[in-house]
Amino acid sequence: MMAIMGMFFQDGLTGSAWGDWALYTDSPLRASAQDLLAGTGGPFPENYWDPAGISKNKTEEEVLELRAIELKHGRVAMLACLGWFHVAAGWHFIGDFAIGERTSNNPLIAVTQMPMGSVWQVVFSIMCIEWLLTYVCVPPKDKPWDVLGWSEIIADEDAPKWKEAQVQELNNGRLAMIAIVGLIAGDMMTGEYGAGIGLPCGGFCMDFWDADNLYGGVDPARYEAPTERPAMISGFW
C-alpha cells in the first residue's frame, strides 16, 4: 500500500512513477558491457570496440542480444561474400539447372533471372531456420549467439585457442559486412563484380598463361566483366 501511494505521489510530482532507469548506472542489476564482452576483441582480444556507444546504459540481456545480432549479421555477410564470389567465378550450376540455361556470372543480374519459385524457396528456408532457432533449438540465454551448441562440447571455453577463434569470427564478420555492401555498390555503379575471381592472379596475369591448356579449352573471356549494368539501376544512368 505504501509502495503504490509512493508511486502515485512521485508520478504526480515528476511525471514518472519509475524514475529514469538510465540514471541507475551503478545498480547491481545492470552489468557493465565491458565486463560482459571482455576479451571478445575489437580488433584485438584485449580491446573493447564500441565507438558509437551502443552498449551504454544497456542491461545484461540487451548487451548479449546486441552481440548475438552482430554475429548473426556477420555470419550472413560471410556466406553472402562466399556466394557472390563463386557465382562471379562461374560456379552456379544449381541456378543454371533451375532455369534450364546458363545464368549470368554477375550476381545481381543472376538474381533477376531466378524464377519466383526459387525465390520463395529461399525465403521459406530462411523462415524455417529463424523459427527453429527462436522456438525449437533456442540458444542459451547467456550465449544467444551459440546457435550450434558449441558451449556444450567445448571442454575449456577460456582456452586461448577458443578465444582466438571467437575473435576471428567477430572480426571476419565485421569485414564481410563492409565487403558485401562494397561489392553490391560497386556492381551497381560500374558493372564490375569481381569477374576474375576464378582466374589465376584474379585475371590480371592472363597474358602469361596458356588458356587452352589451363582451362581445358574453355574461353576465359567469359570471365571478363560485362559492359552492362544490372537492369535494376540501368534506368538511372
Protein backbone atom coordinates (compact mmCIF):
# COMPACT_ATOMS: atom_id res chain seq x y z
CA MET A 1 0.00 0.00 0.00
CA MET A 2 2.82 2.36 0.86
CA ALA A 3 4.58 1.47 -2.41
CA ILE A 4 1.60 2.25 -4.63
CA MET A 5 0.92 5.50 -2.78
CA GLY A 6 4.55 6.48 -3.25
CA MET A 7 4.33 5.74 -6.97
CA PHE A 8 1.20 7.88 -7.29
CA PHE A 9 2.89 10.70 -5.39
CA GLN A 10 6.08 10.55 -7.48
CA ASP A 11 4.13 10.35 -10.73
CA GLY A 12 2.14 13.45 -9.76
CA LEU A 13 5.27 15.43 -8.92
CA THR A 14 7.71 14.26 -11.60
CA GLY A 15 5.55 12.69 -14.30
CA SER A 16 7.25 9.32 -13.87
CA ALA A 17 6.32 6.57 -11.47
CA TRP A 18 9.51 4.60 -12.05
CA GLY A 19 12.17 7.27 -12.46
CA ASP A 20 14.82 7.24 -15.16
CA TRP A 21 16.37 3.76 -15.41
CA ALA A 22 19.30 5.21 -17.34
CA LEU A 23 20.41 7.03 -14.16
CA TYR A 24 20.90 3.80 -12.22
CA THR A 25 24.26 3.01 -13.78
CA ASP A 26 25.68 1.62 -10.50
CA SER A 27 22.83 -0.77 -9.89
CA PRO A 28 23.92 -4.39 -9.33
CA LEU A 29 21.13 -5.37 -11.73
CA ARG A 30 22.95 -3.63 -14.57
CA ALA A 31 26.12 -5.37 -15.69
CA SER A 32 28.92 -3.48 -17.38
CA ALA A 33 29.12 -4.12 -21.11
CA GLN A 34 32.90 -4.16 -20.85
CA ASP A 35 32.70 -6.94 -18.26
CA LEU A 36 30.23 -9.00 -20.28
CA LEU A 37 32.15 -8.74 -23.53
CA ALA A 38 35.65 -8.62 -22.10
CA GLY A 39 38.18 -10.49 -24.19
CA THR A 40 35.95 -10.73 -27.24
CA GLY A 41 38.06 -8.37 -29.28
CA GLY A 42 37.79 -5.39 -31.50
CA PRO A 43 40.09 -5.98 -33.31
CA PHE A 44 42.44 -7.47 -30.67
CA PRO A 45 41.34 -9.74 -27.80
CA GLU A 46 42.10 -7.16 -25.10
CA ASN A 47 40.12 -4.43 -26.87
CA TYR A 48 36.53 -3.39 -26.32
CA TRP A 49 35.14 -1.86 -29.53
CA ASP A 50 32.02 0.27 -29.26
CA PRO A 51 32.77 3.66 -30.90
CA ALA A 52 29.08 4.58 -31.18
CA GLY A 53 28.37 3.85 -27.51
CA ILE A 54 25.52 1.48 -28.36
CA SER A 55 26.10 -0.65 -25.25
CA LYS A 56 25.94 2.33 -22.89
CA ASN A 57 23.23 2.04 -20.21
CA LYS A 58 22.12 -1.34 -21.52
CA THR A 59 21.10 -4.28 -19.37
CA GLU A 60 23.00 -7.56 -19.44
CA GLU A 61 20.35 -9.19 -21.61
CA GLU A 62 20.37 -6.28 -24.05
CA VAL A 63 24.16 -6.31 -24.39
CA LEU A 64 24.26 -10.05 -25.08
CA GLU A 65 21.43 -9.70 -27.61
CA LEU A 66 23.31 -6.91 -29.42
CA ARG A 67 26.41 -9.12 -29.67
CA ALA A 68 24.27 -12.00 -30.97
CA ILE A 69 22.76 -9.69 -33.61
CA GLU A 70 26.22 -8.51 -34.67
CA LEU A 71 27.48 -12.08 -35.01
CA LYS A 72 24.37 -13.16 -36.94
CA HIS A 73 24.77 -10.32 -39.43
CA GLY A 74 28.47 -11.11 -39.75
CA ARG A 75 27.79 -14.79 -40.45
CA VAL A 76 25.18 -13.95 -43.08
CA ALA A 77 27.58 -11.46 -44.67
CA MET A 78 30.37 -14.05 -44.81
CA LEU A 79 28.03 -16.51 -46.56
CA ALA A 80 26.92 -13.72 -48.90
CA CYS A 81 30.52 -12.94 -49.89
CA LEU A 82 31.20 -16.64 -50.47
CA GLY A 83 28.10 -16.95 -52.64
CA TRP A 84 28.98 -13.77 -54.55
CA PHE A 85 32.46 -14.96 -55.46
CA HIS A 86 31.52 -18.49 -56.51
CA VAL A 87 28.79 -17.06 -58.78
CA ALA A 88 31.22 -14.48 -60.17
CA ALA A 89 33.68 -17.29 -60.87
CA GLY A 90 31.08 -19.10 -62.99
CA TRP A 91 30.08 -21.79 -60.48
CA HIS A 92 26.29 -21.54 -60.43
CA PHE A 93 25.16 -24.91 -61.76
CA ILE A 94 22.15 -25.05 -59.40
CA GLY A 95 20.79 -21.80 -60.80
CA ASP A 96 21.56 -22.96 -64.33
CA PHE A 97 19.58 -26.15 -63.72
CA ALA A 98 16.67 -24.21 -62.17
CA ILE A 99 16.06 -22.07 -65.26
CA GLY A 100 17.30 -24.52 -67.88
CA GLU A 101 20.07 -22.31 -69.27
CA ARG A 102 23.29 -20.67 -68.19
CA THR A 103 22.72 -17.66 -65.97
CA SER A 104 24.85 -14.55 -65.79
CA ASN A 105 28.07 -14.52 -63.79
CA ASN A 106 27.05 -11.12 -62.45
CA PRO A 107 25.33 -11.93 -59.13
CA LEU A 108 22.91 -9.00 -59.32
CA ILE A 109 21.84 -9.96 -62.84
CA ALA A 110 21.62 -13.64 -61.89
CA VAL A 111 19.17 -12.75 -59.10
CA THR A 112 16.80 -11.18 -61.62
CA GLN A 113 16.97 -14.36 -63.73
CA MET A 114 15.78 -16.60 -60.90
CA PRO A 115 12.19 -17.87 -61.21
CA MET A 116 9.83 -16.75 -58.45
CA GLY A 117 9.51 -20.33 -57.27
CA SER A 118 13.20 -20.39 -56.42
CA VAL A 119 13.00 -17.02 -54.68
CA TRP A 120 10.16 -18.21 -52.45
CA GLN A 121 12.08 -21.41 -51.65
CA VAL A 122 14.94 -19.28 -50.33
CA VAL A 123 12.57 -17.09 -48.31
CA PHE A 124 10.79 -20.15 -46.87
CA SER A 125 14.12 -21.78 -45.92
CA ILE A 126 15.21 -18.63 -44.06
CA MET A 127 11.87 -18.52 -42.23
CA CYS A 128 12.26 -22.17 -41.18
CA ILE A 129 15.75 -21.54 -39.80
CA GLU A 130 14.59 -18.48 -37.85
CA TRP A 131 11.62 -20.45 -36.46
CA LEU A 132 13.84 -23.32 -35.33
CA LEU A 133 16.31 -21.01 -33.58
CA THR A 134 13.54 -18.98 -31.93
CA TYR A 135 11.15 -21.68 -30.70
CA VAL A 136 12.72 -25.15 -31.04
CA CYS A 137 16.51 -25.08 -30.72
CA VAL A 138 16.74 -21.98 -28.55
CA PRO A 139 20.35 -20.85 -27.83
CA PRO A 140 21.41 -20.43 -24.17
CA LYS A 141 20.43 -17.07 -22.67
CA ASP A 142 23.98 -16.30 -21.56
CA LYS A 143 25.28 -17.03 -25.10
CA PRO A 144 22.45 -16.20 -27.53
CA TRP A 145 24.87 -16.36 -30.47
CA ASP A 146 25.72 -20.05 -29.84
CA VAL A 147 23.16 -21.45 -32.28
CA LEU A 148 25.08 -24.70 -32.82
CA GLY A 149 25.61 -25.52 -29.14
CA TRP A 150 29.38 -25.27 -29.08
CA SER A 151 29.35 -24.45 -25.35
CA GLU A 152 28.13 -27.99 -24.67
CA ILE A 153 31.12 -29.68 -26.29
CA ILE A 154 33.99 -27.22 -25.64
CA ALA A 155 35.95 -28.53 -22.67
CA ASP A 156 37.57 -25.21 -21.74
CA GLU A 157 35.88 -22.05 -23.01
CA ASP A 158 38.71 -19.96 -21.55
CA ALA A 159 41.34 -21.71 -23.68
CA PRO A 160 43.41 -19.20 -25.69
CA LYS A 161 42.76 -21.03 -28.98
CA TRP A 162 38.99 -20.91 -28.46
CA LYS A 163 39.12 -17.23 -27.51
CA GLU A 164 41.18 -16.54 -30.61
CA ALA A 165 38.69 -18.39 -32.82
CA GLN A 166 35.83 -16.30 -31.41
CA VAL A 167 37.70 -13.07 -32.10
CA GLN A 168 38.46 -14.22 -35.64
CA GLU A 169 34.78 -14.91 -36.30
CA LEU A 170 33.79 -11.49 -34.96
CA ASN A 171 36.40 -9.60 -36.99
CA ASN A 172 35.80 -11.59 -40.17
CA GLY A 173 32.07 -10.96 -39.85
CA ARG A 174 32.62 -7.22 -39.48
CA LEU A 175 34.87 -7.19 -42.54
CA ALA A 176 32.36 -9.26 -44.53
CA MET A 177 29.52 -6.83 -43.74
CA ILE A 178 31.58 -3.99 -45.20
CA ALA A 179 32.73 -6.17 -48.12
CA ILE A 180 29.30 -7.28 -49.32
CA VAL A 181 28.00 -3.70 -49.23
CA GLY A 182 31.02 -2.63 -51.27
CA LEU A 183 30.54 -5.43 -53.79
CA ILE A 184 26.88 -4.57 -54.33
CA ALA A 185 27.54 -0.82 -54.57
CA GLY A 186 30.47 -1.31 -56.96
CA ASP A 187 28.44 -3.61 -59.19
CA MET A 188 25.52 -1.20 -59.31
CA MET A 189 27.73 1.79 -60.09
CA THR A 190 30.24 0.34 -62.53
CA GLY A 191 29.12 -3.18 -63.52
CA GLU A 192 32.34 -4.61 -62.05
CA TYR A 193 31.60 -7.63 -59.86
CA GLY A 194 34.98 -9.33 -59.48
CA ALA A 195 34.76 -11.40 -62.63
CA GLY A 196 38.38 -12.52 -62.45
CA ILE A 197 37.97 -14.21 -59.08
CA GLY A 198 38.03 -17.63 -60.72
CA LEU A 199 41.21 -16.93 -62.73
CA PRO A 200 44.89 -17.02 -61.70
CA CYS A 201 46.00 -13.72 -60.20
CA GLY A 202 42.42 -12.53 -60.34
CA GLY A 203 42.59 -12.40 -64.13
CA PHE A 204 45.40 -9.82 -64.19
CA CYS A 205 48.08 -12.21 -65.48
CA MET A 206 46.17 -13.83 -68.36
CA ASP A 207 48.85 -12.84 -70.87
CA PHE A 208 51.33 -15.16 -69.12
CA TRP A 209 49.15 -18.28 -69.26
CA ASP A 210 48.16 -20.71 -71.98
CA ALA A 211 44.40 -20.52 -71.71
CA ASP A 212 43.81 -23.61 -73.88
CA ASN A 213 45.88 -25.86 -71.62
CA LEU A 214 44.98 -24.20 -68.35
CA TYR A 215 41.20 -24.17 -68.79
CA GLY A 216 40.77 -27.25 -70.95
CA GLY A 217 39.75 -25.24 -74.00
CA VAL A 218 37.22 -23.05 -72.15
CA ASP A 219 37.39 -19.47 -73.35
CA PRO A 220 38.46 -17.36 -70.34
CA ALA A 221 36.87 -14.31 -71.97
CA ARG A 222 33.55 -15.32 -70.42
CA TYR A 223 35.03 -14.30 -67.08
CA GLU A 224 35.62 -10.72 -68.18
CA ALA A 225 33.45 -8.03 -66.64
CA PRO A 226 30.36 -7.36 -68.76
CA THR A 227 29.68 -3.96 -70.19
CA GLU A 228 26.07 -3.88 -69.00
CA ARG A 229 24.99 -2.98 -65.51
CA PRO A 230 22.22 -4.72 -63.57
CA ALA A 231 18.81 -3.90 -65.02
CA MET A 232 17.56 -2.69 -61.63
CA ILE A 233 19.61 0.53 -61.94
CA SER A 234 20.19 0.85 -65.68
CA GLY A 235 17.37 3.35 -65.95
CA PHE A 236 19.16 5.79 -63.68
CA TRP A 237 22.43 6.02 -65.65
